[in-house]
PDB file of N, CA and C in Angstrom:
ATOM      1  N   MET A   1     -18.289 -13.451 -13.055  1.00  0.00           N
ATOM      2  CA  MET A   1     -17.477 -12.247 -13.499  1.00  0.00           C
ATOM      3  C   MET A   1     -16.678 -11.457 -12.883  1.00  0.00           C
ATOM      4  N   VAL A   2     -15.598 -10.830 -13.553  1.00  0.00           N
ATOM      5  CA  VAL A   2     -15.071  -9.657 -12.857  1.00  0.00           C
ATOM      6  C   VAL A   2     -14.711  -8.962 -14.056  1.00  0.00           C
ATOM      7  N   ALA A   3     -14.382  -7.507 -13.102  1.00  0.00           N
ATOM      8  CA  ALA A   3     -14.162  -6.248 -13.976  1.00  0.00           C
ATOM      9  C   ALA A   3     -12.856  -5.764 -13.987  1.00  0.00           C
ATOM     10  N   VAL A   4     -12.193  -5.838 -15.077  1.00  0.00           N
ATOM     11  CA  VAL A   4     -10.805  -5.131 -14.865  1.00  0.00           C
ATOM     12  C   VAL A   4     -11.034  -4.196 -15.482  1.00  0.00           C
ATOM     13  N   ASP A   5      -9.830  -2.489 -15.222  1.00  0.00           N
ATOM     14  CA  ASP A   5     -10.024  -1.688 -15.761  1.00  0.00           C
ATOM     15  C   ASP A   5      -9.187  -1.842 -16.775  1.00  0.00           C
ATOM     16  N   PHE A   6      -9.049  -1.405 -17.826  1.00  0.00           N
ATOM     17  CA  PHE A   6      -8.617  -0.693 -18.812  1.00  0.00           C
ATOM     18  C   PHE A   6      -6.566  -0.782 -18.776  1.00  0.00           C
ATOM     19  N   ALA A   7      -6.309   0.275 -17.573  1.00  0.00           N
ATOM     20  CA  ALA A   7      -5.342   0.720 -17.218  1.00  0.00           C
ATOM     21  C   ALA A   7      -4.644  -0.245 -16.680  1.00  0.00           C
ATOM     22  N   SER A   8      -5.275  -1.384 -16.247  1.00  0.00           N
ATOM     23  CA  SER A   8      -4.742  -2.318 -15.241  1.00  0.00           C
ATOM     24  C   SER A   8      -3.091  -3.630 -15.950  1.00  0.00           C
ATOM     25  N   PRO A   9      -2.284  -3.660 -15.904  1.00  0.00           N
ATOM     26  CA  PRO A   9      -1.311  -4.087 -16.333  1.00  0.00           C
ATOM     27  C   PRO A   9      -1.603  -5.903 -16.168  1.00  0.00           C
ATOM     28  N   VAL A  10      -2.838  -6.154 -14.754  1.00  0.00           N
ATOM     29  CA  VAL A  10      -2.912  -7.651 -15.703  1.00  0.00           C
ATOM     30  C   VAL A  10      -4.232  -7.621 -16.078  1.00  0.00           C
ATOM     31  N   LEU A  11      -4.971  -6.986 -16.941  1.00  0.00           N
ATOM     32  CA  LEU A  11      -5.952  -7.143 -18.229  1.00  0.00           C
ATOM     33  C   LEU A  11      -5.148  -8.140 -18.958  1.00  0.00           C
ATOM     34  N   ALA A  12      -4.150  -7.704 -19.015  1.00  0.00           N
ATOM     35  CA  ALA A  12      -3.623  -8.833 -20.510  1.00  0.00           C
ATOM     36  C   ALA A  12      -3.007 -10.241 -19.950  1.00  0.00           C
ATOM     37  N   VAL A  13      -3.063 -10.276 -18.355  1.00  0.00           N
ATOM     38  CA  VAL A  13      -2.464 -11.816 -18.134  1.00  0.00           C
ATOM     39  C   VAL A  13      -3.389 -12.256 -17.878  1.00  0.00           C
ATOM     40  N   PHE A  14      -5.075 -12.029 -17.409  1.00  0.00           N
ATOM     41  CA  PHE A  14      -6.045 -12.492 -17.791  1.00  0.00           C
ATOM     42  C   PHE A  14      -6.669 -13.205 -19.147  1.00  0.00           C
ATOM     43  N   GLU A  15      -6.524 -11.865 -20.314  1.00  0.00           N
ATOM     44  CA  GLU A  15      -6.751 -12.622 -21.637  1.00  0.00           C
ATOM     45  C   GLU A  15      -6.057 -13.485 -22.267  1.00  0.00           C
ATOM     46  N   SER A  16      -4.370 -13.404 -21.763  1.00  0.00           N
ATOM     47  CA  SER A  16      -3.757 -14.834 -22.578  1.00  0.00           C
ATOM     48  C   SER A  16      -4.249 -16.425 -21.769  1.00  0.00           C
ATOM     49  N   SER A  17      -4.106 -16.044 -20.116  1.00  0.00           N
ATOM     50  CA  SER A  17      -4.419 -17.212 -19.829  1.00  0.00           C
ATOM     51  C   SER A  17      -5.567 -17.534 -20.125  1.00  0.00           C
ATOM     52  N   GLY A  18      -6.678 -16.830 -20.664  1.00  0.00           N
ATOM     53  CA  GLY A  18      -8.385 -17.739 -20.971  1.00  0.00           C
ATOM     54  C   GLY A  18      -8.823 -18.389 -19.661  1.00  0.00           C
ATOM     55  N   ALA A  19      -8.501 -17.281 -18.247  1.00  0.00           N
ATOM     56  CA  ALA A  19      -8.859 -18.060 -17.223  1.00  0.00           C
ATOM     57  C   ALA A  19      -8.293 -16.714 -16.092  1.00  0.00           C
ATOM     58  N   TYR A  20      -9.322 -17.226 -14.404  1.00  0.00           N
ATOM     59  CA  TYR A  20      -9.220 -16.733 -13.782  1.00  0.00           C
ATOM     60  C   TYR A  20      -9.862 -17.447 -12.453  1.00  0.00           C
ATOM     61  N   ALA A  21      -9.179 -16.576 -11.235  1.00  0.00           N
ATOM     62  CA  ALA A  21      -9.725 -17.604 -10.324  1.00  0.00           C
ATOM     63  C   ALA A  21      -9.972 -16.875  -8.993  1.00  0.00           C
ATOM     64  N   VAL A  22     -11.092 -16.787  -8.345  1.00  0.00           N
ATOM     65  CA  VAL A  22     -11.483 -15.533  -7.416  1.00  0.00           C
ATOM     66  C   VAL A  22     -11.020 -16.348  -6.033  1.00  0.00           C
ATOM     67  N   ASN A  23     -10.309 -15.581  -5.678  1.00  0.00           N
ATOM     68  CA  ASN A  23     -10.132 -16.158  -4.203  1.00  0.00           C
ATOM     69  C   ASN A  23     -10.572 -15.567  -3.048  1.00  0.00           C
ATOM     70  N   ILE A  24     -11.173 -16.234  -2.181  1.00  0.00           N
ATOM     71  CA  ILE A  24     -11.899 -16.069  -1.393  1.00  0.00           C
ATOM     72  C   ILE A  24     -11.392 -16.228   0.211  1.00  0.00           C
ATOM     73  N   LEU A  25     -11.240 -15.134   0.604  1.00  0.00           N
ATOM     74  CA  LEU A  25     -10.264 -14.562   1.853  1.00  0.00           C
ATOM     75  C   LEU A  25     -11.051 -15.256   3.197  1.00  0.00           C
ATOM     76  N   ARG A  26     -10.015 -14.963   4.426  1.00  0.00           N
ATOM     77  CA  ARG A  26     -10.714 -15.565   5.540  1.00  0.00           C
ATOM     78  C   ARG A  26     -10.663 -14.077   6.093  1.00  0.00           C
ATOM     79  N   GLU A  27     -11.754 -13.813   7.366  1.00  0.00           N
ATOM     80  CA  GLU A  27     -11.946 -12.750   7.973  1.00  0.00           C
ATOM     81  C   GLU A  27     -10.218 -12.173   8.967  1.00  0.00           C
ATOM     82  N   ASP A  28      -9.195 -13.321   9.259  1.00  0.00           N
ATOM     83  CA  ASP A  28      -8.276 -12.672   9.687  1.00  0.00           C
ATOM     84  C   ASP A  28      -7.335 -12.753   8.288  1.00  0.00           C
ATOM     85  N   GLN A  29      -7.938 -12.141   6.837  1.00  0.00           N
ATOM     86  CA  GLN A  29      -6.514 -11.973   5.981  1.00  0.00           C
ATOM     87  C   GLN A  29      -6.887 -10.544   5.726  1.00  0.00           C
ATOM     88  N   ARG A  30      -6.965  -9.568   6.094  1.00  0.00           N
ATOM     89  CA  ARG A  30      -7.221  -8.176   5.919  1.00  0.00           C
ATOM     90  C   ARG A  30      -6.044  -7.474   5.362  1.00  0.00           C
ATOM     91  N   ASP A  31      -4.682  -7.849   5.670  1.00  0.00           N
ATOM     92  CA  ASP A  31      -3.605  -8.149   5.438  1.00  0.00           C
ATOM     93  C   ASP A  31      -3.372  -7.913   3.700  1.00  0.00           C
ATOM     94  N   LEU A  32      -3.680  -9.631   3.292  1.00  0.00           N
ATOM     95  CA  LEU A  32      -3.516 -10.006   2.250  1.00  0.00           C
ATOM     96  C   LEU A  32      -4.181  -9.042   0.958  1.00  0.00           C
ATOM     97  N   SER A  33      -5.589  -8.742   2.127  1.00  0.00           N
ATOM     98  CA  SER A  33      -6.259  -7.874   0.829  1.00  0.00           C
ATOM     99  C   SER A  33      -5.660  -6.658   0.543  1.00  0.00           C
ATOM    100  N   MET A  34      -5.796  -5.884   1.333  1.00  0.00           N
ATOM    101  CA  MET A  34      -5.224  -4.701   1.011  1.00  0.00           C
ATOM    102  C   MET A  34      -3.922  -4.753   0.633  1.00  0.00           C
ATOM    103  N   ARG A  35      -3.085  -5.487   0.944  1.00  0.00           N
ATOM    104  CA  ARG A  35      -1.653  -5.727   0.054  1.00  0.00           C
ATOM    105  C   ARG A  35      -2.162  -6.024  -1.544  1.00  0.00           C
ATOM    106  N   PHE A  36      -3.384  -7.093  -1.829  1.00  0.00           N
ATOM    107  CA  PHE A  36      -3.316  -6.772  -3.438  1.00  0.00           C
ATOM    108  C   PHE A  36      -4.057  -5.980  -3.483  1.00  0.00           C
ATOM    109  N   ALA A  37      -4.501  -4.992  -3.292  1.00  0.00           N
ATOM    110  CA  ALA A  37      -5.481  -3.694  -3.807  1.00  0.00           C
ATOM    111  C   ALA A  37      -4.532  -2.766  -3.645  1.00  0.00           C
ATOM    112  N   GLU A  38      -3.529  -2.957  -2.561  1.00  0.00           N
ATOM    113  CA  GLU A  38      -2.568  -1.470  -2.910  1.00  0.00           C
ATOM    114  C   GLU A  38      -1.032  -1.781  -4.023  1.00  0.00           C
ATOM    115  N   LEU A  39      -0.867  -3.343  -4.192  1.00  0.00           N
ATOM    116  CA  LEU A  39       0.453  -2.910  -4.524  1.00  0.00           C
ATOM    117  C   LEU A  39       0.007  -3.599  -6.316  1.00  0.00           C
ATOM    118  N   PRO A  40       0.258  -2.770  -6.922  1.00  0.00           N
ATOM    119  CA  PRO A  40       0.416  -2.926  -8.471  1.00  0.00           C
ATOM    120  C   PRO A  40       1.114  -3.680  -9.028  1.00  0.00           C
ATOM    121  N   GLU A  41       2.457  -4.246  -8.957  1.00  0.00           N
ATOM    122  CA  GLU A  41       3.590  -5.161  -9.090  1.00  0.00           C
ATOM    123  C   GLU A  41       4.047  -6.226  -8.135  1.00  0.00           C
ATOM    124  N   GLY A  42       4.402  -6.951  -7.868  1.00  0.00           N
ATOM    125  CA  GLY A  42       4.860  -7.980  -7.015  1.00  0.00           C
ATOM    126  C   GLY A  42       3.918  -8.301  -5.846  1.00  0.00           C
ATOM    127  N   ARG A  43       2.524  -8.384  -6.258  1.00  0.00           N
ATOM    128  CA  ARG A  43       1.444  -8.764  -4.931  1.00  0.00           C
ATOM    129  C   ARG A  43       1.689 -10.153  -4.937  1.00  0.00           C
ATOM    130  N   PHE A  44       2.204 -10.936  -5.650  1.00  0.00           N
ATOM    131  CA  PHE A  44       2.285 -12.413  -5.246  1.00  0.00           C
ATOM    132  C   PHE A  44       3.922 -13.132  -4.613  1.00  0.00           C
ATOM    133  N   ASP A  45       4.460 -11.790  -4.331  1.00  0.00           N
ATOM    134  CA  ASP A  45       6.220 -12.045  -3.724  1.00  0.00           C
ATOM    135  C   ASP A  45       5.612 -12.470  -2.774  1.00  0.00           C
ATOM    136  N   GLY A  46       6.390 -13.811  -1.761  1.00  0.00           N
ATOM    137  CA  GLY A  46       6.389 -13.387  -0.990  1.00  0.00           C
ATOM    138  C   GLY A  46       5.226 -14.332   0.023  1.00  0.00           C
ATOM    139  N   VAL A  47       4.152 -14.621  -1.016  1.00  0.00           N
ATOM    140  CA  VAL A  47       2.567 -15.188  -0.664  1.00  0.00           C
ATOM    141  C   VAL A  47       2.690 -16.800  -1.557  1.00  0.00           C
ATOM    142  N   ASN A  48       2.429 -17.332  -0.654  1.00  0.00           N
ATOM    143  CA  ASN A  48       1.660 -19.143  -0.596  1.00  0.00           C
ATOM    144  C   ASN A  48       0.717 -19.067  -1.598  1.00  0.00           C
ATOM    145  N   TRP A  49       1.209 -19.446  -2.700  1.00  0.00           N
ATOM    146  CA  TRP A  49       0.072 -19.613  -3.557  1.00  0.00           C
ATOM    147  C   TRP A  49       0.112 -21.552  -4.656  1.00  0.00           C
ATOM    148  N   HIS A  50      -0.411 -21.791  -5.152  1.00  0.00           N
ATOM    149  CA  HIS A  50      -0.437 -22.850  -6.233  1.00  0.00           C
ATOM    150  C   HIS A  50      -1.017 -22.657  -7.219  1.00  0.00           C
ATOM    151  N   ALA A  51      -0.540 -23.169  -8.347  1.00  0.00           N
ATOM    152  CA  ALA A  51      -1.475 -23.304  -9.778  1.00  0.00           C
ATOM    153  C   ALA A  51      -3.190 -24.043  -9.452  1.00  0.00           C
ATOM    154  N   GLY A  52      -3.906 -23.211  -9.790  1.00  0.00           N
ATOM    155  CA  GLY A  52      -5.617 -24.200  -9.775  1.00  0.00           C
ATOM    156  C   GLY A  52      -5.401 -25.268 -10.845  1.00  0.00           C
ATOM    157  N   ALA A  53      -6.820 -25.377 -10.951  1.00  0.00           N
ATOM    158  CA  ALA A  53      -6.707 -26.158 -11.774  1.00  0.00           C
ATOM    159  C   ALA A  53      -7.162 -25.795 -13.500  1.00  0.00           C
ATOM    160  N   THR A  54      -7.180 -24.374 -13.273  1.00  0.00           N
ATOM    161  CA  THR A  54      -7.328 -23.495 -14.408  1.00  0.00           C
ATOM    162  C   THR A  54      -5.577 -22.989 -14.757  1.00  0.00           C
ATOM    163  N   GLY A  55      -5.070 -23.199 -13.840  1.00  0.00           N
ATOM    164  CA  GLY A  55      -3.460 -22.345 -14.064  1.00  0.00           C
ATOM    165  C   GLY A  55      -3.713 -21.019 -13.280  1.00  0.00           C
ATOM    166  N   SER A  56      -4.450 -20.928 -12.760  1.00  0.00           N
ATOM    167  CA  SER A  56      -4.523 -19.751 -12.481  1.00  0.00           C
ATOM    168  C   SER A  56      -4.077 -19.494 -10.863  1.00  0.00           C
ATOM    169  N   PRO A  57      -3.693 -18.700 -10.240  1.00  0.00           N
ATOM    170  CA  PRO A  57      -3.193 -18.362  -8.793  1.00  0.00           C
ATOM    171  C   PRO A  57      -4.190 -18.633  -7.757  1.00  0.00           C
ATOM    172  N   VAL A  58      -3.423 -19.879  -6.803  1.00  0.00           N
ATOM    173  CA  VAL A  58      -4.810 -19.876  -5.970  1.00  0.00           C
ATOM    174  C   VAL A  58      -4.084 -19.657  -4.460  1.00  0.00           C
ATOM    175  N   ILE A  59      -4.646 -18.675  -3.388  1.00  0.00           N
ATOM    176  CA  ILE A  59      -3.752 -18.775  -2.734  1.00  0.00           C
ATOM    177  C   ILE A  59      -3.769 -19.445  -1.768  1.00  0.00           C
ATOM    178  N   ASP A  60      -2.797 -20.012  -0.892  1.00  0.00           N
ATOM    179  CA  ASP A  60      -2.586 -20.645   0.038  1.00  0.00           C
ATOM    180  C   ASP A  60      -2.807 -20.327   1.919  1.00  0.00           C
ATOM    181  N   PRO A  61      -3.187 -20.180   2.674  1.00  0.00           N
ATOM    182  CA  PRO A  61      -4.306 -21.035   2.534  1.00  0.00           C
ATOM    183  C   PRO A  61      -5.448 -20.070   2.759  1.00  0.00           C
ATOM    184  N   ILE A  62      -6.664 -20.250   1.875  1.00  0.00           N
ATOM    185  CA  ILE A  62      -7.732 -19.277   2.090  1.00  0.00           C
ATOM    186  C   ILE A  62      -9.211 -19.909   2.142  1.00  0.00           C
ATOM    187  N   LEU A  63     -10.520 -18.959   2.660  1.00  0.00           N
ATOM    188  CA  LEU A  63     -11.523 -20.090   2.641  1.00  0.00           C
ATOM    189  C   LEU A  63     -12.153 -20.955   1.660  1.00  0.00           C
ATOM    190  N   GLY A  64     -11.660 -20.232   0.202  1.00  0.00           N
ATOM    191  CA  GLY A  64     -12.216 -20.852  -1.026  1.00  0.00           C
ATOM    192  C   GLY A  64     -11.916 -20.362  -1.959  1.00  0.00           C
ATOM    193  N   VAL A  65     -12.100 -20.710  -3.304  1.00  0.00           N
ATOM    194  CA  VAL A  65     -12.136 -20.268  -4.639  1.00  0.00           C
ATOM    195  C   VAL A  65     -12.756 -21.186  -5.452  1.00  0.00           C
ATOM    196  N   ILE A  66     -12.723 -20.255  -6.464  1.00  0.00           N
ATOM    197  CA  ILE A  66     -13.807 -20.082  -7.285  1.00  0.00           C
ATOM    198  C   ILE A  66     -13.352 -19.932  -8.832  1.00  0.00           C
ATOM    199  N   GLU A  67     -12.608 -20.843  -9.803  1.00  0.00           N
ATOM    200  CA  GLU A  67     -12.115 -20.758 -10.891  1.00  0.00           C
ATOM    201  C   GLU A  67     -12.918 -20.831 -12.060  1.00  0.00           C
ATOM    202  N   CYS A  68     -12.907 -20.041 -13.022  1.00  0.00           N
ATOM    203  CA  CYS A  68     -13.236 -20.082 -13.904  1.00  0.00           C
ATOM    204  C   CYS A  68     -12.581 -19.857 -15.589  1.00  0.00           C
ATOM    205  N   ARG A  69     -13.487 -20.459 -16.181  1.00  0.00           N
ATOM    206  CA  ARG A  69     -12.499 -20.488 -17.800  1.00  0.00           C
ATOM    207  C   ARG A  69     -13.513 -19.468 -18.258  1.00  0.00           C
ATOM    208  N   ILE A  70     -12.619 -18.124 -18.769  1.00  0.00           N
ATOM    209  CA  ILE A  70     -13.265 -16.949 -20.154  1.00  0.00           C
ATOM    210  C   ILE A  70     -13.936 -17.510 -20.488  1.00  0.00           C
ATOM    211  N   VAL A  71     -15.308 -17.229 -20.892  1.00  0.00           N
ATOM    212  CA  VAL A  71     -16.376 -17.290 -21.828  1.00  0.00           C
ATOM    213  C   VAL A  71     -16.707 -16.448 -22.918  1.00  0.00           C
ATOM    214  N   GLN A  72     -16.481 -14.987 -22.469  1.00  0.00           N
ATOM    215  CA  GLN A  72     -17.281 -14.005 -22.600  1.00  0.00           C
ATOM    216  C   GLN A  72     -16.089 -12.530 -22.611  1.00  0.00           C
ATOM    217  N   PRO A  73     -15.694 -11.481 -23.186  1.00  0.00           N
ATOM    218  CA  PRO A  73     -15.357 -10.443 -22.722  1.00  0.00           C
ATOM    219  C   PRO A  73     -16.646  -9.212 -23.110  1.00  0.00           C
ATOM    220  N   ILE A  74     -16.879  -8.395 -22.322  1.00  0.00           N
ATOM    221  CA  ILE A  74     -17.699  -7.339 -22.329  1.00  0.00           C
ATOM    222  C   ILE A  74     -16.811  -5.821 -22.787  1.00  0.00           C
ATOM    223  N   ASP A  75     -16.753  -5.026 -23.271  1.00  0.00           N
ATOM    224  CA  ASP A  75     -16.210  -3.737 -22.587  1.00  0.00           C
ATOM    225  C   ASP A  75     -17.227  -2.648 -22.546  1.00  0.00           C
ATOM    226  N   THR A  76     -16.853  -2.089 -21.247  1.00  0.00           N
ATOM    227  CA  THR A  76     -17.938  -1.341 -20.599  1.00  0.00           C
ATOM    228  C   THR A  76     -17.392  -0.324 -19.416  1.00  0.00           C
ATOM    229  N   GLY A  77     -17.268   1.257 -20.465  1.00  0.00           N
ATOM    230  CA  GLY A  77     -16.791   1.961 -19.333  1.00  0.00           C
ATOM    231  C   GLY A  77     -15.453   2.172 -19.631  1.00  0.00           C
ATOM    232  N   ASP A  78     -14.789   2.160 -18.288  1.00  0.00           N
ATOM    233  CA  ASP A  78     -13.435   2.167 -18.684  1.00  0.00           C
ATOM    234  C   ASP A  78     -12.583   0.257 -18.262  1.00  0.00           C
ATOM    235  N   HIS A  79     -14.028  -0.012 -18.455  1.00  0.00           N
ATOM    236  CA  HIS A  79     -13.260  -1.617 -17.902  1.00  0.00           C
ATOM    237  C   HIS A  79     -13.767  -2.640 -18.866  1.00  0.00           C
ATOM    238  N   ARG A  80     -13.107  -4.033 -18.732  1.00  0.00           N
ATOM    239  CA  ARG A  80     -13.817  -4.904 -19.565  1.00  0.00           C
ATOM    240  C   ARG A  80     -13.980  -6.243 -18.466  1.00  0.00           C
ATOM    241  N   VAL A  81     -14.829  -6.391 -18.977  1.00  0.00           N
ATOM    242  CA  VAL A  81     -15.839  -7.475 -17.980  1.00  0.00           C
ATOM    243  C   VAL A  81     -15.618  -8.670 -18.294  1.00  0.00           C
ATOM    244  N   LEU A  82     -14.794  -9.507 -17.949  1.00  0.00           N
ATOM    245  CA  LEU A  82     -14.747 -11.294 -18.168  1.00  0.00           C
ATOM    246  C   LEU A  82     -15.497 -12.266 -17.455  1.00  0.00           C
ATOM    247  N   ILE A  83     -16.479 -12.639 -18.552  1.00  0.00           N
ATOM    248  CA  ILE A  83     -17.645 -13.585 -17.796  1.00  0.00           C
ATOM    249  C   ILE A  83     -17.001 -14.824 -18.012  1.00  0.00           C
ATOM    250  N   GLY A  84     -17.210 -15.547 -16.852  1.00  0.00           N
ATOM    251  CA  GLY A  84     -16.566 -16.968 -16.595  1.00  0.00           C
ATOM    252  C   GLY A  84     -17.365 -18.133 -16.749  1.00  0.00           C
ATOM    253  N   GLU A  85     -17.271 -19.069 -17.108  1.00  0.00           N
ATOM    254  CA  GLU A  85     -17.708 -20.728 -16.772  1.00  0.00           C
ATOM    255  C   GLU A  85     -17.094 -21.051 -15.829  1.00  0.00           C
ATOM    256  N   VAL A  86     -17.922 -21.286 -14.545  1.00  0.00           N
ATOM    257  CA  VAL A  86     -17.187 -21.959 -13.256  1.00  0.00           C
ATOM    258  C   VAL A  86     -16.412 -23.427 -13.861  1.00  0.00           C
ATOM    259  N   VAL A  87     -15.683 -23.449 -13.191  1.00  0.00           N
ATOM    260  CA  VAL A  87     -14.786 -25.451 -14.045  1.00  0.00           C
ATOM    261  C   VAL A  87     -13.889 -26.007 -12.620  1.00  0.00           C
ATOM    262  N   GLU A  88     -14.305 -24.970 -11.085  1.00  0.00           N
ATOM    263  CA  GLU A  88     -13.500 -25.752 -10.134  1.00  0.00           C
ATOM    264  C   GLU A  88     -14.561 -24.825  -9.254  1.00  0.00           C
ATOM    265  N   VAL A  89     -14.594 -25.192  -8.192  1.00  0.00           N
ATOM    266  CA  VAL A  89     -14.992 -24.813  -6.569  1.00  0.00           C
ATOM    267  C   VAL A  89     -14.354 -25.412  -5.678  1.00  0.00           C
ATOM    268  N   SER A  90     -14.082 -24.903  -4.294  1.00  0.00           N
ATOM    269  CA  SER A  90     -13.295 -25.840  -3.331  1.00  0.00           C
ATOM    270  C   SER A  90     -13.927 -24.340  -1.942  1.00  0.00           C
ATOM    271  N   CYS A  91     -13.830 -24.636  -1.066  1.00  0.00           N
ATOM    272  CA  CYS A  91     -14.342 -24.224   0.379  1.00  0.00           C
ATOM    273  C   CYS A  91     -14.074 -24.913   1.295  1.00  0.00           C
ATOM    274  N   SER A  92     -13.549 -23.982   3.164  1.00  0.00           N
ATOM    275  CA  SER A  92     -13.200 -25.029   3.703  1.00  0.00           C
ATOM    276  C   SER A  92     -13.945 -24.132   5.263  1.00  0.00           C
ATOM    277  N   GLU A  93     -13.663 -24.585   5.994  1.00  0.00           N
ATOM    278  CA  GLU A  93     -14.379 -24.259   7.384  1.00  0.00           C
ATOM    279  C   GLU A  93     -14.088 -22.602   7.732  1.00  0.00           C
ATOM    280  N   GLY A  94     -15.146 -21.249   8.089  1.00  0.00           N
ATOM    281  CA  GLY A  94     -14.452 -20.260   8.591  1.00  0.00           C
ATOM    282  C   GLY A  94     -15.468 -19.132   7.937  1.00  0.00           C
ATOM    283  N   ARG A  95     -15.004 -18.398   8.342  1.00  0.00           N
ATOM    284  CA  ARG A  95     -16.233 -16.868   8.293  1.00  0.00           C
ATOM    285  C   ARG A  95     -15.192 -15.974   6.606  1.00  0.00           C
ATOM    286  N   PRO A  96     -15.801 -15.597   6.101  1.00  0.00           N
ATOM    287  CA  PRO A  96     -15.380 -14.987   5.124  1.00  0.00           C
ATOM    288  C   PRO A  96     -14.913 -13.515   5.561  1.00  0.00           C
ATOM    289  N   LEU A  97     -13.976 -12.879   4.366  1.00  0.00           N
ATOM    290  CA  LEU A  97     -13.046 -11.328   4.924  1.00  0.00           C
ATOM    291  C   LEU A  97     -14.624 -10.606   3.750  1.00  0.00           C
ATOM    292  N   VAL A  98     -14.932  -9.744   4.396  1.00  0.00           N
ATOM    293  CA  VAL A  98     -15.942  -8.833   3.788  1.00  0.00           C
ATOM    294  C   VAL A  98     -15.381  -7.599   3.207  1.00  0.00           C
ATOM    295  N   PHE A  99     -16.245  -6.815   1.954  1.00  0.00           N
ATOM    296  CA  PHE A  99     -15.603  -5.970   1.887  1.00  0.00           C
ATOM    297  C   PHE A  99     -16.518  -4.805   1.487  1.00  0.00           C
ATOM    298  N   PHE A 100     -17.523  -3.909   1.532  1.00  0.00           N
ATOM    299  CA  PHE A 100     -18.161  -3.215   1.513  1.00  0.00           C
ATOM    300  C   PHE A 100     -18.654  -1.763   2.384  1.00  0.00           C
ATOM    301  N   GLY A 101     -19.360  -1.027   1.580  1.00  0.00           N
ATOM    302  CA  GLY A 101     -19.481   0.471   1.725  1.00  0.00           C
ATOM    303  C   GLY A 101     -17.824   0.469   1.983  1.00  0.00           C
ATOM    304  N   SER A 102     -17.154   0.431   1.259  1.00  0.00           N
ATOM    305  CA  SER A 102     -15.676   0.928   1.421  1.00  0.00           C
ATOM    306  C   SER A 102     -15.148   1.049   2.846  1.00  0.00           C
ATOM    307  N   GLY A 103     -15.297  -0.229   3.108  1.00  0.00           N
ATOM    308  CA  GLY A 103     -14.950  -0.604   4.474  1.00  0.00           C
ATOM    309  C   GLY A 103     -15.158  -1.761   4.583  1.00  0.00           C
ATOM    310  N   TYR A 104     -13.872  -2.773   5.540  1.00  0.00           N
ATOM    311  CA  TYR A 104     -14.101  -4.095   5.658  1.00  0.00           C
ATOM    312  C   TYR A 104     -15.158  -4.076   6.487  1.00  0.00           C
ATOM    313  N   VAL A 105     -16.412  -5.249   7.013  1.00  0.00           N
ATOM    314  CA  VAL A 105     -17.285  -4.859   7.549  1.00  0.00           C
ATOM    315  C   VAL A 105     -17.330  -6.809   7.472  1.00  0.00           C
ATOM    316  N   GLY A 106     -17.899  -7.041   9.125  1.00  0.00           N
ATOM    317  CA  GLY A 106     -18.224  -8.335   9.793  1.00  0.00           C
ATOM    318  C   GLY A 106     -19.669  -8.989   9.577  1.00  0.00           C
ATOM    319  N   LEU A 107     -20.059 -10.571   9.234  1.00  0.00           N
ATOM    320  CA  LEU A 107     -20.867 -10.460   8.962  1.00  0.00           C
ATOM    321  C   LEU A 107     -21.844 -10.837  10.066  1.00  0.00           C
ATOM    322  N   ALA A 108     -23.098 -10.654  10.631  1.00  0.00           N
ATOM    323  CA  ALA A 108     -23.308 -10.859  12.040  1.00  0.00           C
ATOM    324  C   ALA A 108     -24.237 -12.570  11.881  1.00  0.00           C
TER     325      ALA A 108
END
């Protein structure tokens, strides 16, 4: 599942596509994570990616990706939760970038 703020311009993109991809970044891709968190527009400009099995953007290279078809939207508070059915998964070797407790942390 993903939760998207009602005010986010990407909500319409998610809903019209009927799918989404969860890109799992490598621990050395912190700058890319911050770029996507801070840029409301043009976040894919200059970023290598390809359309995955669902047509959703898959960043190249990354640690892994989980592609989902949206099966149920649920409105809660100021977000729409998009429940997805996994249709494609891929992963490679490496360590994930982890954001927890308002910051980036390493895995022990």
